[in-house]
C-alpha atoms as a PDB file:
ATOM      1  CA  THR A   1    -173.183 -76.793 102.836  1.00  0.00           C
ATOM      2  CA  ILE A   2    -173.662 -74.416 100.010  1.00  0.00           C
ATOM      3  CA  PRO A   3    -176.032 -75.976  97.332  1.00  0.00           C
ATOM      4  CA  GLY A   4    -174.478 -76.534  93.940  1.00  0.00           C
ATOM      5  CA  PRO A   5    -175.453 -74.554  90.903  1.00  0.00           C
ATOM      6  CA  ARG A   6    -178.970 -75.293  89.404  1.00  0.00           C
ATOM      7  CA  HIS A   7    -178.809 -77.221  86.197  1.00  0.00           C
ATOM      8  CA  PRO A   8    -180.162 -75.131  83.318  1.00  0.00           C
ATOM      9  CA  PHE A   9    -182.400 -77.980  81.994  1.00  0.00           C
ATOM     10  CA  ALA A  10    -183.758 -78.868  85.392  1.00  0.00           C
ATOM     11  CA  GLU A  11    -187.279 -77.613  84.471  1.00  0.00           C
ATOM     12  CA  HIS A  12    -187.480 -79.427  81.123  1.00  0.00           C
ATOM     13  CA  PRO A  13    -190.207 -82.112  81.224  1.00  0.00           C
ATOM     14  CA  MET A  14    -187.850 -84.715  79.838  1.00  0.00           C
ATOM     15  CA  VAL A  15    -185.612 -84.184  82.894  1.00  0.00           C
ATOM     16  CA  GLN A  16    -188.430 -84.400  85.495  1.00  0.00           C
ATOM     17  CA  THR A  17    -188.564 -88.096  85.797  1.00  0.00           C
ATOM     18  CA  LEU A  18    -189.627 -90.022  89.042  1.00  0.00           C
ATOM     19  CA  ASP A  19    -186.053 -90.324  90.162  1.00  0.00           C
ATOM     20  CA  SER A  20    -185.222 -86.668  89.603  1.00  0.00           C
ATOM     21  CA  PRO A  21    -185.173 -84.219  92.553  1.00  0.00           C
ATOM     22  CA  PHE A  22    -186.948 -81.764  90.280  1.00  0.00           C
ATOM     23  CA  ALA A  23    -189.796 -84.138  89.488  1.00  0.00           C
ATOM     24  CA  LEU A  24    -193.406 -82.816  90.142  1.00  0.00           C
ATOM     25  CA  PRO A  25    -195.101 -84.370  93.131  1.00  0.00           C
ATOM     26  CA  ALA A  26    -197.391 -87.302  92.224  1.00  0.00           C
ATOM     27  CA  ARG A  27    -200.570 -85.400  93.315  1.00  0.00           C
ATOM     28  CA  VAL A  28    -199.678 -82.526  90.918  1.00  0.00           C
ATOM     29  CA  ARG A  29    -199.010 -84.903  88.106  1.00  0.00           C
ATOM     30  CA  SER A  30    -202.337 -86.830  88.601  1.00  0.00           C
ATOM     31  CA  ARG A  31    -204.276 -83.440  88.646  1.00  0.00           C
ATOM     32  CA  ARG A  32    -202.608 -82.396  85.442  1.00  0.00           C
ATOM     33  CA  VAL A  33    -203.501 -85.822  83.742  1.00  0.00           C
ATOM     34  CA  LEU A  34    -207.140 -85.412  84.988  1.00  0.00           C
ATOM     35  CA  TRP A  35    -207.726 -81.772  83.793  1.00  0.00           C
ATOM     36  CA  GLN A  36    -205.515 -81.675  80.685  1.00  0.00           C
ATOM     37  CA  PRO A  37    -208.033 -83.480  78.370  1.00  0.00           C
ATOM     38  CA  TRP A  38    -210.863 -81.253  79.559  1.00  0.00           C
ATOM     39  CA  ALA A  39    -208.775 -78.237  78.767  1.00  0.00           C
ATOM     40  CA  TYR A  40    -208.406 -79.369  75.156  1.00  0.00           C
ATOM     41  CA  LEU A  41    -212.086 -80.177  74.889  1.00  0.00           C
ATOM     42  CA  ALA A  42    -213.305 -76.926  76.552  1.00  0.00           C
ATOM     43  CA  PRO A  43    -213.662 -74.841  73.298  1.00  0.00           C
ATOM     44  CA  THR A  44    -215.745 -77.542  71.589  1.00  0.00           C
ATOM     45  CA  LEU A  45    -217.889 -78.220  74.702  1.00  0.00           C
ATOM     46  CA  ALA A  46    -218.451 -74.431  75.049  1.00  0.00           C
ATOM     47  CA  THR A  47    -219.520 -74.220  71.444  1.00  0.00           C
ATOM     48  CA  LEU A  48    -221.959 -77.100  71.838  1.00  0.00           C
ATOM     49  CA  VAL A  49    -223.530 -75.617  74.968  1.00  0.00           C
ATOM     50  CA  VAL A  50    -223.853 -72.094  73.580  1.00  0.00           C
ATOM     51  CA  TRP A  51    -225.122 -73.018  70.090  1.00  0.00           C
ATOM     52  CA  ILE A  52    -226.970 -76.280  70.642  1.00  0.00           C
ATOM     53  CA  TYR A  53    -227.890 -77.329  74.226  1.00  0.00           C
ATOM     54  CA  TRP A  54    -228.808 -73.801  75.484  1.00  0.00           C
ATOM     55  CA  PRO A  55    -231.079 -72.899  72.606  1.00  0.00           C
ATOM     56  CA  LEU A  56    -232.646 -76.357  72.952  1.00  0.00           C
ATOM     57  CA  ILE A  57    -233.389 -75.661  76.631  1.00  0.00           C
ATOM     58  CA  GLU A  58    -234.785 -72.241  75.768  1.00  0.00           C
ATOM     59  CA  ALA A  59    -237.042 -73.710  72.995  1.00  0.00           C
ATOM     60  CA  ALA A  60    -238.350 -76.394  75.493  1.00  0.00           C
ATOM     61  CA  TYR A  61    -239.108 -73.479  77.962  1.00  0.00           C
ATOM     62  CA  LEU A  62    -240.673 -71.294  75.384  1.00  0.00           C
ATOM     63  CA  SER A  63    -243.019 -74.172  74.171  1.00  0.00           C
ATOM     64  CA  PHE A  64    -245.079 -73.741  77.252  1.00  0.00           C
ATOM     65  CA  PHE A  65    -245.812 -70.076  76.604  1.00  0.00           C
ATOM     66  CA  GLN A  66    -247.663 -67.913  74.107  1.00  0.00           C
ATOM     67  CA  TRP A  67    -245.658 -64.974  72.838  1.00  0.00           C
ATOM     68  CA  ASN A  68    -245.717 -62.882  69.652  1.00  0.00           C
ATOM     69  CA  MET A  69    -242.057 -62.113  69.730  1.00  0.00           C
ATOM     70  CA  LEU A  70    -242.618 -58.363  70.388  1.00  0.00           C
ATOM     71  CA  PRO A  71    -240.308 -56.857  73.059  1.00  0.00           C
ATOM     72  CA  THR A  72    -243.161 -55.008  74.602  1.00  0.00           C
ATOM     73  CA  ALA A  73    -245.345 -58.158  74.883  1.00  0.00           C
ATOM     74  CA  THR A  74    -245.023 -60.481  77.967  1.00  0.00           C
ATOM     75  CA  PRO A  75    -245.083 -64.190  77.299  1.00  0.00           C
ATOM     76  CA  ARG A  76    -248.137 -65.911  78.756  1.00  0.00           C
ATOM     77  CA  TYR A  77    -247.795 -69.325  80.386  1.00  0.00           C
ATOM     78  CA  VAL A  78    -250.184 -71.865  78.803  1.00  0.00           C
ATOM     79  CA  GLY A  79    -248.717 -75.183  79.937  1.00  0.00           C
ATOM     80  CA  VAL A  80    -249.237 -78.047  77.447  1.00  0.00           C
ATOM     81  CA  GLU A  81    -251.982 -76.190  75.615  1.00  0.00           C
ATOM     82  CA  ASN A  82    -249.592 -75.417  72.803  1.00  0.00           C
ATOM     83  CA  TYR A  83    -248.826 -79.178  72.347  1.00  0.00           C
ATOM     84  CA  ALA A  84    -252.559 -80.159  72.506  1.00  0.00           C
ATOM     85  CA  ASN A  85    -253.492 -77.550  69.905  1.00  0.00           C
ATOM     86  CA  LEU A  86    -250.711 -78.289  67.542  1.00  0.00           C
ATOM     87  CA  LEU A  87    -251.292 -81.977  67.455  1.00  0.00           C
ATOM     88  CA  THR A  88    -254.903 -81.552  66.470  1.00  0.00           C
ATOM     89  CA  LEU A  89    -254.269 -78.989  63.741  1.00  0.00           C
ATOM     90  CA  PRO A  90    -254.987 -80.368  60.222  1.00  0.00           C
ATOM     91  CA  GLU A  91    -252.002 -78.479  58.779  1.00  0.00           C
ATOM     92  CA  MET A  92    -249.642 -80.166  61.248  1.00  0.00           C
ATOM     93  CA  GLY A  93    -250.956 -83.637  60.162  1.00  0.00           C
ATOM     94  CA  ARG A  94    -250.469 -82.568  56.468  1.00  0.00           C
ATOM     95  CA  ALA A  95    -246.957 -81.377  57.219  1.00  0.00           C
ATOM     96  CA  MET A  96    -246.005 -84.574  58.980  1.00  0.00           C
ATOM     97  CA  ARG A  97    -247.392 -86.669  56.047  1.00  0.00           C
ATOM     98  CA  ASN A  98    -245.390 -84.520  53.566  1.00  0.00           C
ATOM     99  CA  THR A  99    -242.297 -84.925  55.718  1.00  0.00           C
ATOM    100  CA  VAL A 100    -242.643 -88.713  55.413  1.00  0.00           C
ATOM    101  CA  LEU A 101    -243.192 -88.379  51.616  1.00  0.00           C
ATOM    102  CA  TYR A 102    -240.010 -86.214  51.243  1.00  0.00           C
ATOM    103  CA  ILE A 103    -237.916 -88.848  53.122  1.00  0.00           C
ATOM    104  CA  LEU A 104    -239.288 -91.848  51.091  1.00  0.00           C
ATOM    105  CA  GLY A 105    -238.868 -89.976  47.783  1.00  0.00           C
ATOM    106  CA  LEU A 106    -235.273 -88.965  48.583  1.00  0.00           C
ATOM    107  CA  LEU A 107    -234.080 -92.388  49.525  1.00  0.00           C
ATOM    108  CA  PRO A 108    -233.862 -93.681  45.878  1.00  0.00           C
ATOM    109  CA  LEU A 109    -232.041 -90.475  44.924  1.00  0.00           C
ATOM    110  CA  SER A 110    -229.610 -90.381  47.795  1.00  0.00           C
ATOM    111  CA  VAL A 111    -229.008 -93.993  48.349  1.00  0.00           C
ATOM    112  CA  VAL A 112    -230.166 -96.412  45.682  1.00  0.00           C
ATOM    113  CA  LEU A 113    -229.137 -94.494  42.588  1.00  0.00           C
ATOM    114  CA  PRO A 114    -225.637 -93.458  43.946  1.00  0.00           C
ATOM    115  CA  THR A 115    -224.989 -97.016  44.976  1.00  0.00           C
ATOM    116  CA  ALA A 116    -225.677 -98.308  41.510  1.00  0.00           C
ATOM    117  CA  VAL A 117    -223.640 -95.478  39.901  1.00  0.00           C
ATOM    118  CA  ALA A 118    -220.681 -96.062  42.293  1.00  0.00           C
ATOM    119  CA  ILE A 119    -220.661 -99.856  41.503  1.00  0.00           C
ATOM    120  CA  LEU A 120    -221.205 -99.587  37.882  1.00  0.00           C
ATOM    121  CA  THR A 121    -218.506 -96.943  37.238  1.00  0.00           C
ATOM    122  CA  GLN A 122    -215.786 -98.535  39.568  1.00  0.00           C
ATOM    123  CA  ASP A 123    -213.974 -99.816  36.504  1.00  0.00           C
ATOM    124  CA  LEU A 124    -213.548 -96.400  34.954  1.00  0.00           C
ATOM    125  CA  SER A 125    -210.025 -95.058  34.901  1.00  0.00           C
ATOM    126  CA  GLY A 126    -207.940 -92.124  33.673  1.00  0.00           C
ATOM    127  CA  PRO A 127    -209.441 -88.863  32.578  1.00  0.00           C
ATOM    128  CA  ILE A 128    -212.968 -90.374  32.064  1.00  0.00           C
ATOM    129  CA  ARG A 129    -213.216 -91.243  35.711  1.00  0.00           C
ATOM    130  CA  SER A 130    -212.089 -87.706  36.723  1.00  0.00           C
ATOM    131  CA  LEU A 131    -214.530 -86.168  34.328  1.00  0.00           C
ATOM    132  CA  TYR A 132    -217.370 -88.309  35.609  1.00  0.00           C
ATOM    133  CA  ARG A 133    -216.726 -87.435  39.158  1.00  0.00           C
ATOM    134  CA  SER A 134    -216.525 -83.758  38.466  1.00  0.00           C
ATOM    135  CA  LEU A 135    -219.784 -83.726  36.477  1.00  0.00           C
ATOM    136  CA  ILE A 136    -221.711 -85.593  39.141  1.00  0.00           C
ATOM    137  CA  PHE A 137    -220.258 -83.413  41.945  1.00  0.00           C
ATOM    138  CA  ILE A 138    -221.134 -79.994  40.340  1.00  0.00           C
ATOM    139  CA  PRO A 139    -224.673 -79.888  41.707  1.00  0.00           C
ATOM    140  CA  MET A 140    -223.325 -80.273  45.241  1.00  0.00           C
ATOM    141  CA  ILE A 141    -221.116 -77.205  45.061  1.00  0.00           C
ATOM    142  CA  ILE A 142    -223.898 -74.966  43.787  1.00  0.00           C
ATOM    143  CA  ALA A 143    -225.460 -72.680  46.546  1.00  0.00           C
ATOM    144  CA  PRO A 144    -229.013 -74.001  47.220  1.00  0.00           C
ATOM    145  CA  ILE A 145    -230.613 -70.706  46.597  1.00  0.00           C
ATOM    146  CA  VAL A 146    -228.883 -70.432  43.281  1.00  0.00           C
ATOM    147  CA  ALA A 147    -230.083 -73.953  42.463  1.00  0.00           C
ATOM    148  CA  ALA A 148    -233.593 -72.863  43.367  1.00  0.00           C
ATOM    149  CA  VAL A 149    -233.476 -69.986  40.997  1.00  0.00           C
ATOM    150  CA  LEU A 150    -232.021 -72.215  38.249  1.00  0.00           C
ATOM    151  CA  TRP A 151    -234.838 -74.731  38.556  1.00  0.00           C
ATOM    152  CA  ARG A 152    -237.445 -72.063  38.764  1.00  0.00           C
ATOM    153  CA  TRP A 153    -236.405 -70.844  35.289  1.00  0.00           C
ATOM    154  CA  LEU A 154    -236.068 -74.326  33.905  1.00  0.00           C
ATOM    155  CA  LEU A 155    -239.474 -75.453  35.166  1.00  0.00           C
ATOM    156  CA  ASN A 156    -241.450 -72.188  34.289  1.00  0.00           C
ATOM    157  CA  GLU A 157    -244.697 -73.157  32.842  1.00  0.00           C
ATOM    158  CA  ASP A 158    -244.636 -70.373  30.180  1.00  0.00           C
ATOM    159  CA  HIS A 159    -241.071 -70.098  28.971  1.00  0.00           C
ATOM    160  CA  GLY A 160    -239.027 -72.828  30.876  1.00  0.00           C
ATOM    161  CA  LEU A 161    -236.802 -75.050  28.884  1.00  0.00           C
ATOM    162  CA  VAL A 162    -238.274 -78.160  30.244  1.00  0.00           C
ATOM    163  CA  ASN A 163    -241.780 -77.184  29.200  1.00  0.00           C
ATOM    164  CA  ALA A 164    -240.419 -76.091  25.888  1.00  0.00           C
ATOM    165  CA  GLY A 165    -239.005 -79.569  25.265  1.00  0.00           C
ATOM    166  CA  ILE A 166    -242.470 -80.998  26.249  1.00  0.00           C
ATOM    167  CA  GLU A 167    -244.276 -78.726  23.810  1.00  0.00           C
ATOM    168  CA  VAL A 168    -241.871 -79.840  20.972  1.00  0.00           C
ATOM    169  CA  LEU A 169    -243.081 -83.382  21.749  1.00  0.00           C
ATOM    170  CA  GLY A 170    -246.663 -82.176  21.198  1.00  0.00           C
ATOM    171  CA  LEU A 171    -247.618 -82.499  24.822  1.00  0.00           C
ATOM    172  CA  THR A 172    -249.315 -80.058  27.177  1.00  0.00           C
ATOM    173  CA  PRO A 173    -246.997 -77.920  29.365  1.00  0.00           C
ATOM    174  CA  VAL A 174    -246.787 -79.175  32.938  1.00  0.00           C
ATOM    175  CA  GLY A 175    -247.088 -76.918  36.051  1.00  0.00           C
ATOM    176  CA  PHE A 176    -244.286 -78.482  37.996  1.00  0.00           C
ATOM    177  CA  LEU A 177    -244.432 -75.962  40.765  1.00  0.00           C
ATOM    178  CA  LYS A 178    -248.191 -74.938  40.530  1.00  0.00           C
ATOM    179  CA  ASP A 179    -249.846 -78.428  40.367  1.00  0.00           C
ATOM    180  CA  PRO A 180    -250.485 -79.765  43.923  1.00  0.00           C
ATOM    181  CA  SER A 181    -250.202 -83.388  42.713  1.00  0.00           C
ATOM    182  CA  ILE A 182    -246.783 -82.727  41.199  1.00  0.00           C
ATOM    183  CA  ALA A 183    -245.136 -79.866  43.220  1.00  0.00           C
ATOM    184  CA  LEU A 184    -243.978 -81.952  46.113  1.00  0.00           C
ATOM    185  CA  TRP A 185    -242.228 -84.594  43.849  1.00  0.00           C
ATOM    186  CA  THR A 186    -240.665 -81.738  41.921  1.00  0.00           C
ATOM    187  CA  LEU A 187    -239.055 -80.518  45.075  1.00  0.00           C
ATOM    188  CA  VAL A 188    -238.081 -84.020  45.973  1.00  0.00           C
ATOM    189  CA  TRP A 189    -236.164 -84.222  42.699  1.00  0.00           C
ATOM    190  CA  ILE A 190    -234.364 -80.930  43.117  1.00  0.00           C
ATOM    191  CA  THR A 191    -233.327 -81.889  46.632  1.00  0.00           C
ATOM    192  CA  GLY A 192    -232.110 -85.400  45.474  1.00  0.00           C
ATOM    193  CA  TRP A 193    -230.355 -83.849  42.462  1.00  0.00           C
ATOM    194  CA  LYS A 194    -228.225 -81.809  44.850  1.00  0.00           C
ATOM    195  CA  LEU A 195    -227.467 -84.887  46.950  1.00  0.00           C
ATOM    196  CA  ILE A 196    -226.661 -87.523  44.246  1.00  0.00           C
ATOM    197  CA  GLY A 197    -223.041 -86.294  43.788  1.00  0.00           C
ATOM    198  CA  PHE A 198    -222.079 -86.328  47.516  1.00  0.00           C
ATOM    199  CA  ALA A 199    -223.574 -89.740  47.961  1.00  0.00           C
ATOM    200  CA  THR A 200    -221.964 -91.157  44.832  1.00  0.00           C
ATOM    201  CA  LEU A 201    -218.530 -89.886  45.775  1.00  0.00           C
ATOM    202  CA  LEU A 202    -218.861 -91.292  49.246  1.00  0.00           C
ATOM    203  CA  LEU A 203    -219.921 -94.704  48.028  1.00  0.00           C
ATOM    204  CA  SER A 204    -217.229 -94.649  45.328  1.00  0.00           C
ATOM    205  CA  ALA A 205    -214.614 -94.074  48.047  1.00  0.00           C
ATOM    206  CA  ALA A 206    -215.950 -96.856  50.117  1.00  0.00           C
ATOM    207  CA  ASN A 207    -216.198 -99.154  47.121  1.00  0.00           C
ATOM    208  CA  GLY A 208    -212.514 -98.379  46.307  1.00  0.00           C
ATOM    209  CA  THR A 209    -211.404 -99.582  49.726  1.00  0.00           C
ATOM    210  CA  ILE A 210    -212.796-103.078  49.289  1.00  0.00           C
ATOM    211  CA  ASP A 211    -209.824-105.657  49.200  1.00  0.00           C
ATOM    212  CA  PRO A 212    -209.477-106.738  45.536  1.00  0.00           C
ATOM    213  CA  GLY A 213    -208.485-110.039  46.878  1.00  0.00           C
ATOM    214  CA  TYR A 214    -212.055-110.850  47.753  1.00  0.00           C
ATOM    215  CA  VAL A 215    -213.267-110.143  44.133  1.00  0.00           C
ATOM    216  CA  GLU A 216    -210.406-112.093  42.542  1.00  0.00           C
ATOM    217  CA  ALA A 217    -211.105-115.119  44.745  1.00  0.00           C
ATOM    218  CA  ALA A 218    -214.759-114.980  43.972  1.00  0.00           C
ATOM    219  CA  ARG A 219    -214.002-114.814  40.236  1.00  0.00           C
ATOM    220  CA  MET A 220    -211.666-117.690  40.478  1.00  0.00           C
ATOM    221  CA  ASP A 221    -214.495-119.664  42.022  1.00  0.00           C
ATOM    222  CA  GLY A 222    -216.710-118.845  38.967  1.00  0.00           C
ATOM    223  CA  ALA A 223    -218.789-116.016  40.491  1.00  0.00           C
ATOM    224  CA  SER A 224    -220.567-113.733  37.902  1.00  0.00           C
ATOM    225  CA  ARG A 225    -220.281-109.975  38.152  1.00  0.00           C
ATOM    226  CA  TRP A 226    -223.806-109.811  39.733  1.00  0.00           C
ATOM    227  CA  GLN A 227    -222.847-112.471  42.336  1.00  0.00           C
ATOM    228  CA  VAL A 228    -219.749-110.406  43.203  1.00  0.00           C
ATOM    229  CA  ILE A 229    -221.950-107.297  43.630  1.00  0.00           C
ATOM    230  CA  ARG A 230    -224.545-109.043  45.637  1.00  0.00           C
ATOM    231  CA  ASP A 231    -222.275-111.214  47.982  1.00  0.00           C
ATOM    232  CA  ILE A 232    -219.195-108.977  48.307  1.00  0.00           C
ATOM    233  CA  ARG A 233    -219.638-105.389  47.306  1.00  0.00           C
ATOM    234  CA  LEU A 234    -223.070-104.676  48.669  1.00  0.00           C
ATOM    235  CA  PRO A 235    -222.312-106.335  52.174  1.00  0.00           C
ATOM    236  CA  LEU A 236    -219.003-104.431  52.529  1.00  0.00           C
ATOM    237  CA  LEU A 237    -220.743-101.154  51.459  1.00  0.00           C
ATOM    238  CA  SER A 238    -223.519-101.686  53.999  1.00  0.00           C
ATOM    239  CA  PRO A 239    -221.948 -99.295  56.584  1.00  0.00           C
ATOM    240  CA  THR A 240    -221.833 -96.427  54.100  1.00  0.00           C
ATOM    241  CA  ILE A 241    -225.268 -97.371  52.765  1.00  0.00           C
ATOM    242  CA  LEU A 242    -226.819 -97.363  56.166  1.00  0.00           C
ATOM    243  CA  LEU A 243    -225.171 -94.148  57.120  1.00  0.00           C
ATOM    244  CA  LEU A 244    -226.546 -92.353  53.959  1.00  0.00           C
ATOM    245  CA  THR A 245    -229.903 -93.911  54.766  1.00  0.00           C
ATOM    246  CA  MET A 246    -229.831 -92.457  58.261  1.00  0.00           C
ATOM    247  CA  MET A 247    -228.745 -89.142  57.161  1.00  0.00           C
ATOM    248  CA  THR A 248    -231.510 -88.982  54.536  1.00  0.00           C
ATOM    249  CA  VAL A 249    -234.174 -89.998  57.125  1.00  0.00           C
ATOM    250  CA  LEU A 250    -232.957 -87.579  59.653  1.00  0.00           C
ATOM    251  CA  PHE A 251    -232.101 -84.553  57.478  1.00  0.00           C
ATOM    252  CA  GLY A 252    -233.777 -85.120  54.096  1.00  0.00           C
ATOM    253  CA  ALA A 253    -236.882 -83.048  54.854  1.00  0.00           C
ATOM    254  CA  GLN A 254    -234.735 -80.311  56.506  1.00  0.00           C
ATOM    255  CA  TRP A 255    -232.556 -80.104  53.305  1.00  0.00           C
ATOM    256  CA  SER A 256    -235.641 -79.420  51.272  1.00  0.00           C
ATOM    257  CA  PHE A 257    -236.481 -76.281  53.316  1.00  0.00           C
ATOM    258  CA  VAL A 258    -234.524 -73.900  51.070  1.00  0.00           C
ATOM    259  CA  TYR A 259    -236.432 -75.058  47.986  1.00  0.00           C
ATOM    260  CA  ILE A 260    -239.847 -74.953  49.658  1.00  0.00           C
ATOM    261  CA  ASN A 261    -239.248 -71.381  50.735  1.00  0.00           C
ATOM    262  CA  ALA A 262    -237.758 -70.162  47.448  1.00  0.00           C
ATOM    263  CA  LEU A 263    -240.075 -72.043  44.983  1.00  0.00           C
ATOM    264  CA  THR A 264    -243.506 -72.780  46.467  1.00  0.00           C
ATOM    265  CA  GLY A 265    -243.778 -71.176  49.830  1.00  0.00           C
ATOM    266  CA  GLY A 266    -245.479 -74.309  51.135  1.00  0.00           C
ATOM    267  CA  GLY A 267    -248.007 -74.274  48.387  1.00  0.00           C
ATOM    268  CA  PRO A 268    -249.891 -74.797  46.255  1.00  0.00           C
ATOM    269  CA  LEU A 269    -252.672 -75.638  48.834  1.00  0.00           C
ATOM    270  CA  GLN A 270    -249.947 -76.528  51.381  1.00  0.00           C
ATOM    271  CA  SER A 271    -249.034 -79.545  49.279  1.00  0.00           C
ATOM    272  CA  THR A 272    -245.352 -79.029  49.667  1.00  0.00           C
ATOM    273  CA  THR A 273    -245.075 -77.857  53.298  1.00  0.00           C
ATOM    274  CA  ASN A 274    -243.303 -80.044  55.884  1.00  0.00           C
ATOM    275  CA  VAL A 275    -242.631 -79.763  59.646  1.00  0.00           C
ATOM    276  CA  PHE A 276    -239.476 -77.668  59.246  1.00  0.00           C
ATOM    277  CA  TYR A 277    -241.130 -75.178  56.998  1.00  0.00           C
ATOM    278  CA  LEU A 278    -244.163 -75.100  59.278  1.00  0.00           C
ATOM    279  CA  MET A 279    -241.833 -74.485  62.177  1.00  0.00           C
ATOM    280  CA  TRP A 280    -240.331 -71.516  60.367  1.00  0.00           C
ATOM    281  CA  ASP A 281    -243.785 -70.258  59.313  1.00  0.00           C
ATOM    282  CA  TYR A 282    -245.052 -70.159  62.871  1.00  0.00           C
ATOM    283  CA  GLY A 283    -242.010 -68.320  64.089  1.00  0.00           C
ATOM    284  CA  PHE A 284    -241.330 -65.789  61.354  1.00  0.00           C
ATOM    285  CA  GLN A 285    -244.610 -65.341  59.505  1.00  0.00           C
ATOM    286  CA  SER A 286    -247.334 -65.875  62.230  1.00  0.00           C
ATOM    287  CA  TYR A 287    -244.986 -64.528  64.927  1.00  0.00           C
ATOM    288  CA  SER A 288    -246.227 -67.268  67.246  1.00  0.00           C
ATOM    289  CA  ALA A 289    -242.938 -68.187  69.019  1.00  0.00           C
ATOM    290  CA  GLY A 290    -244.770 -70.708  71.355  1.00  0.00           C
ATOM    291  CA  TRP A 291    -246.108 -72.694  68.602  1.00  0.00           C
ATOM    292  CA  SER A 292    -242.852 -72.621  66.541  1.00  0.00           C
ATOM    293  CA  ALA A 293    -240.903 -73.828  69.728  1.00  0.00           C
ATOM    294  CA  THR A 294    -243.582 -76.493  70.327  1.00  0.00           C
ATOM    295  CA  ALA A 295    -243.220 -77.800  66.739  1.00  0.00           C
ATOM    296  CA  GLY A 296    -239.526 -77.784  67.146  1.00  0.00           C
ATOM    297  CA  MET A 297    -239.755 -79.877  70.304  1.00  0.00           C
ATOM    298  CA  LEU A 298    -242.072 -82.347  68.770  1.00  0.00           C
ATOM    299  CA  THR A 299    -239.775 -82.691  65.745  1.00  0.00           C
ATOM    300  CA  PHE A 300    -236.742 -83.113  67.892  1.00  0.00           C
ATOM    301  CA  ALA A 301    -238.366 -85.812  69.999  1.00  0.00           C
ATOM    302  CA  GLY A 302    -239.686 -87.656  66.908  1.00  0.00           C
ATOM    303  CA  PHE A 303    -236.373 -87.605  65.129  1.00  0.00           C
ATOM    304  CA  GLY A 304    -234.476 -88.428  68.249  1.00  0.00           C
ATOM    305  CA  VAL A 305    -236.388 -91.660  68.588  1.00  0.00           C
ATOM    306  CA  ILE A 306    -235.786 -92.329  64.925  1.00  0.00           C
ATOM    307  CA  ALA A 307    -232.035 -91.692  65.307  1.00  0.00           C
ATOM    308  CA  MET A 308    -231.737 -94.177  68.087  1.00  0.00           C
ATOM    309  CA  LEU A 309    -233.563 -96.858  65.996  1.00  0.00           C
ATOM    310  CA  CYS A 310    -231.157 -96.128  63.064  1.00  0.00           C
ATOM    311  CA  LEU A 311    -228.096 -96.394  65.218  1.00  0.00           C
ATOM    312  CA  ARG A 312    -229.288 -99.824  66.515  1.00  0.00           C
ATOM    313  CA  LEU A 313    -229.979-100.978  62.940  1.00  0.00           C
ATOM    314  CA  MET A 314    -226.579 -99.864  61.830  1.00  0.00           C
ATOM    315  CA  LYS A 315    -224.912-101.871  64.584  1.00  0.00           C
ATOM    316  CA  ARG A 316    -226.966-104.912  63.804  1.00  0.00           C
ATOM    317  CA  PHE A 317    -226.837-105.053  60.059  1.00  0.00           C
ATOM    318  CA  ALA A 318    -223.579-103.335  59.020  1.00  0.00           C
ATOM    319  CA  VAL A 319    -220.914-105.763  57.688  1.00  0.00           C
ATOM    320  CA  HIS A 320    -217.262-104.761  58.318  1.00  0.00           C
ATOM    321  CA  GLU A 321    -214.306-106.068  56.469  1.00  0.00           C
ATOM    322  CA  GLY A 322    -212.180-108.526  58.354  1.00  0.00           C
END
């Protein structure tokens, strides 16, 4: 018998059913199902390995050596000596303390104030609401180094606009970036000023998704505006609030690096340095790659533990609608 002509659509996937003579074998289909998701994930996984996990492994390896980053110099193995020396350095203790102060100082600016602004401006509508959102988001779209130059000019002790206003009030000019007791909090304000817009818009969007029926039911029961905020809005905003809190704790001190580098250089008297700036200083100022990698691994381990605790707190305390 001579086989009949081959159907032109026999190779089409819709035709290759289980009952079709052109269907793929079950083993081939199972292999395709097994490997197809990994083929889609391969570019992302490759990016993570090349840009995150491999550098992390290299940093962990380098933390056990002393090396001045010169191509002609040979790295010298010192074991855990870098860790022992770094943990006993007074400047590392100062940097860790300042890191905690950066985080604590940023929390009101990145969580508390945006939450209050998002709730209190929820009833705005029309052009006023669009204008308010545009104005509050402007700091976020300004490049960090441009913002640093702007604040350097505004806070200049001799001819800055802020000190000019202080002199008009009959007060003594303030060295915002030169006084060790004020410089750190000045950088905290500048970093927080950049974050307020993003956090406010995120909380405003979350606040807008709350079912109005909950609010109307509470008002029909005689709840005041404060009671609605306390018992309905804040609990339902808790996932977003906890997310912003976790981001501030994990990345707040890192976000301030640009302003430390551009405005104070860690001074005056190392009052504005933190672990991220110290890590950069060891690597690119002192050319001590081993110490820089060691500081990076200590920071990674510390913030890794904090991240796990934050995730557990989010799962425990976040309130979800429905």
